[in-house]
Amino acid sequence: MAIIERIQAEISGHPIVLFMKGTPQFPMCGFSSRTVGALREAGADMATLHSVNVLEDPEVRANLPRVSNWPTFPQLFIHGELIGGCDITMELYESGELARMVAEVQKA
């Protein structure tokens, strides 16, 4: 189960992790693009945002849903906790909650 351990290390090793299609600079799907945009607008430091391109790592793409219990991409984790996908991230952004969460991470 080395891939499961690798996924868990990614999640626990960074305060904010986005498993997405593409990269923050070049998202490869609309949902990933919207999620990156929400993080950017919420004040996330894009230079330090840790992202994993699931299109380049089929093992992660196949196994992350088993770890997170979330079937789709992107998947946003903050402090090791699954926040959700694009829709939940957008809801948190629109309510102002995402900006609060990001600010809390960045001041730590």
Protein backbone atom coordinates (compact mmCIF):
# COMPACT_ATOMS: atom_id res chain seq x y z
CA MET A 1 0.00 0.00 0.00
CA ALA A 2 2.87 2.40 -0.71
CA ILE A 3 0.60 4.66 -2.76
CA ILE A 4 -1.80 5.12 0.19
CA GLU A 5 1.13 6.07 2.42
CA ARG A 6 2.39 8.49 -0.25
CA ILE A 7 -1.03 10.15 -0.51
CA GLN A 8 -1.29 10.44 3.27
CA ALA A 9 2.21 11.95 3.39
CA GLU A 10 1.18 14.58 0.81
CA ILE A 11 -1.92 15.44 2.85
CA SER A 12 -0.16 15.60 6.21
CA GLY A 13 3.03 17.20 4.90
CA HIS A 14 1.51 20.48 3.70
CA PRO A 15 -0.99 22.86 5.32
CA ILE A 16 -2.96 23.26 2.07
CA VAL A 17 -2.99 20.55 -0.59
CA LEU A 18 -5.01 20.60 -3.79
CA PHE A 19 -5.27 17.38 -5.79
CA MET A 20 -6.31 18.67 -9.19
CA LYS A 21 -6.26 18.14 -12.92
CA GLY A 22 -3.35 20.22 -14.15
CA THR A 23 -1.45 22.79 -12.11
CA PRO A 24 -2.48 26.08 -10.51
CA GLN A 25 -0.75 27.86 -13.40
CA PHE A 26 -2.37 25.61 -16.04
CA PRO A 27 -5.56 23.95 -14.78
CA MET A 28 -6.77 21.21 -17.11
CA CYS A 29 -10.48 21.30 -16.22
CA GLY A 30 -13.03 23.94 -15.33
CA PHE A 31 -13.60 22.63 -11.80
CA SER A 32 -9.88 22.73 -11.00
CA SER A 33 -9.64 26.22 -12.52
CA ARG A 34 -12.55 27.52 -10.42
CA THR A 35 -11.08 26.00 -7.26
CA VAL A 36 -7.67 27.59 -7.88
CA GLY A 37 -9.39 30.90 -8.59
CA ALA A 38 -11.30 30.73 -5.32
CA LEU A 39 -8.12 29.94 -3.39
CA ARG A 40 -6.31 32.82 -5.11
CA GLU A 41 -9.16 35.25 -4.36
CA ALA A 42 -9.29 33.99 -0.76
CA GLY A 43 -5.67 35.06 -0.35
CA ALA A 44 -3.83 31.76 -0.69
CA ASP A 45 -0.15 32.20 -1.42
CA MET A 46 0.01 30.56 -4.84
CA ALA A 47 3.79 30.19 -4.58
CA THR A 48 3.41 27.91 -1.57
CA LEU A 49 0.14 26.17 -2.41
CA HIS A 50 0.99 22.50 -2.72
CA SER A 51 -0.79 20.88 -5.63
CA VAL A 52 -0.72 17.39 -7.08
CA ASN A 53 -1.54 16.94 -10.75
CA VAL A 54 -3.59 13.73 -10.82
CA LEU A 55 -3.36 13.60 -14.61
CA GLU A 56 0.39 13.02 -14.29
CA ASP A 57 0.04 10.46 -11.49
CA PRO A 58 -2.54 7.78 -12.36
CA GLU A 59 -1.85 5.90 -9.12
CA VAL A 60 -2.84 8.92 -7.06
CA ARG A 61 -5.85 9.54 -9.29
CA ALA A 62 -7.02 5.94 -8.83
CA ASN A 63 -6.38 5.71 -5.09
CA LEU A 64 -7.09 9.14 -3.60
CA PRO A 65 -10.88 8.56 -3.66
CA ARG A 66 -10.33 5.50 -1.44
CA VAL A 67 -8.34 7.57 1.05
CA SER A 68 -10.65 10.59 1.09
CA ASN A 69 -14.02 8.94 0.45
CA TRP A 70 -14.56 11.61 -2.22
CA PRO A 71 -15.03 10.41 -5.80
CA THR A 72 -14.21 13.48 -7.90
CA PHE A 73 -11.45 16.00 -8.51
CA PRO A 74 -10.32 18.50 -7.44
CA GLN A 75 -9.98 17.68 -3.76
CA LEU A 76 -8.89 20.37 -1.31
CA PHE A 77 -7.30 19.50 2.03
CA ILE A 78 -6.50 22.02 4.75
CA HIS A 79 -4.54 20.89 7.80
CA GLY A 80 -4.99 17.27 6.75
CA GLU A 81 -8.78 17.51 6.58
CA LEU A 82 -10.75 17.07 3.38
CA ILE A 83 -12.61 20.30 2.70
CA GLY A 84 -14.26 19.02 -0.47
CA GLY A 85 -14.37 19.60 -4.19
CA CYS A 86 -15.13 22.58 -6.35
CA ASP A 87 -18.73 23.18 -5.23
CA ILE A 88 -17.92 23.16 -1.51
CA THR A 89 -14.82 25.29 -2.06
CA MET A 90 -16.92 27.82 -3.99
CA GLU A 91 -19.56 27.89 -1.24
CA LEU A 92 -16.85 28.50 1.38
CA TYR A 93 -15.35 31.24 -0.78
CA GLU A 94 -18.68 32.99 -1.30
CA SER A 95 -19.43 32.91 2.45
CA GLY A 96 -16.00 34.28 3.34
CA GLU A 97 -15.11 31.13 5.24
CA LEU A 98 -12.40 30.07 2.77
CA ALA A 99 -10.55 33.37 3.27
CA ARG A 100 -10.67 32.84 7.04
CA MET A 101 -9.35 29.28 6.70
CA VAL A 102 -6.54 30.36 4.36
CA ALA A 103 -5.55 33.28 6.60
CA GLU A 104 -5.42 30.95 9.61
CA VAL A 105 -3.10 28.57 7.76
CA GLN A 106 -0.82 31.33 6.50
CA LYS A 107 -0.38 33.01 9.88
CA ALA A 108 0.69 29.75 11.53
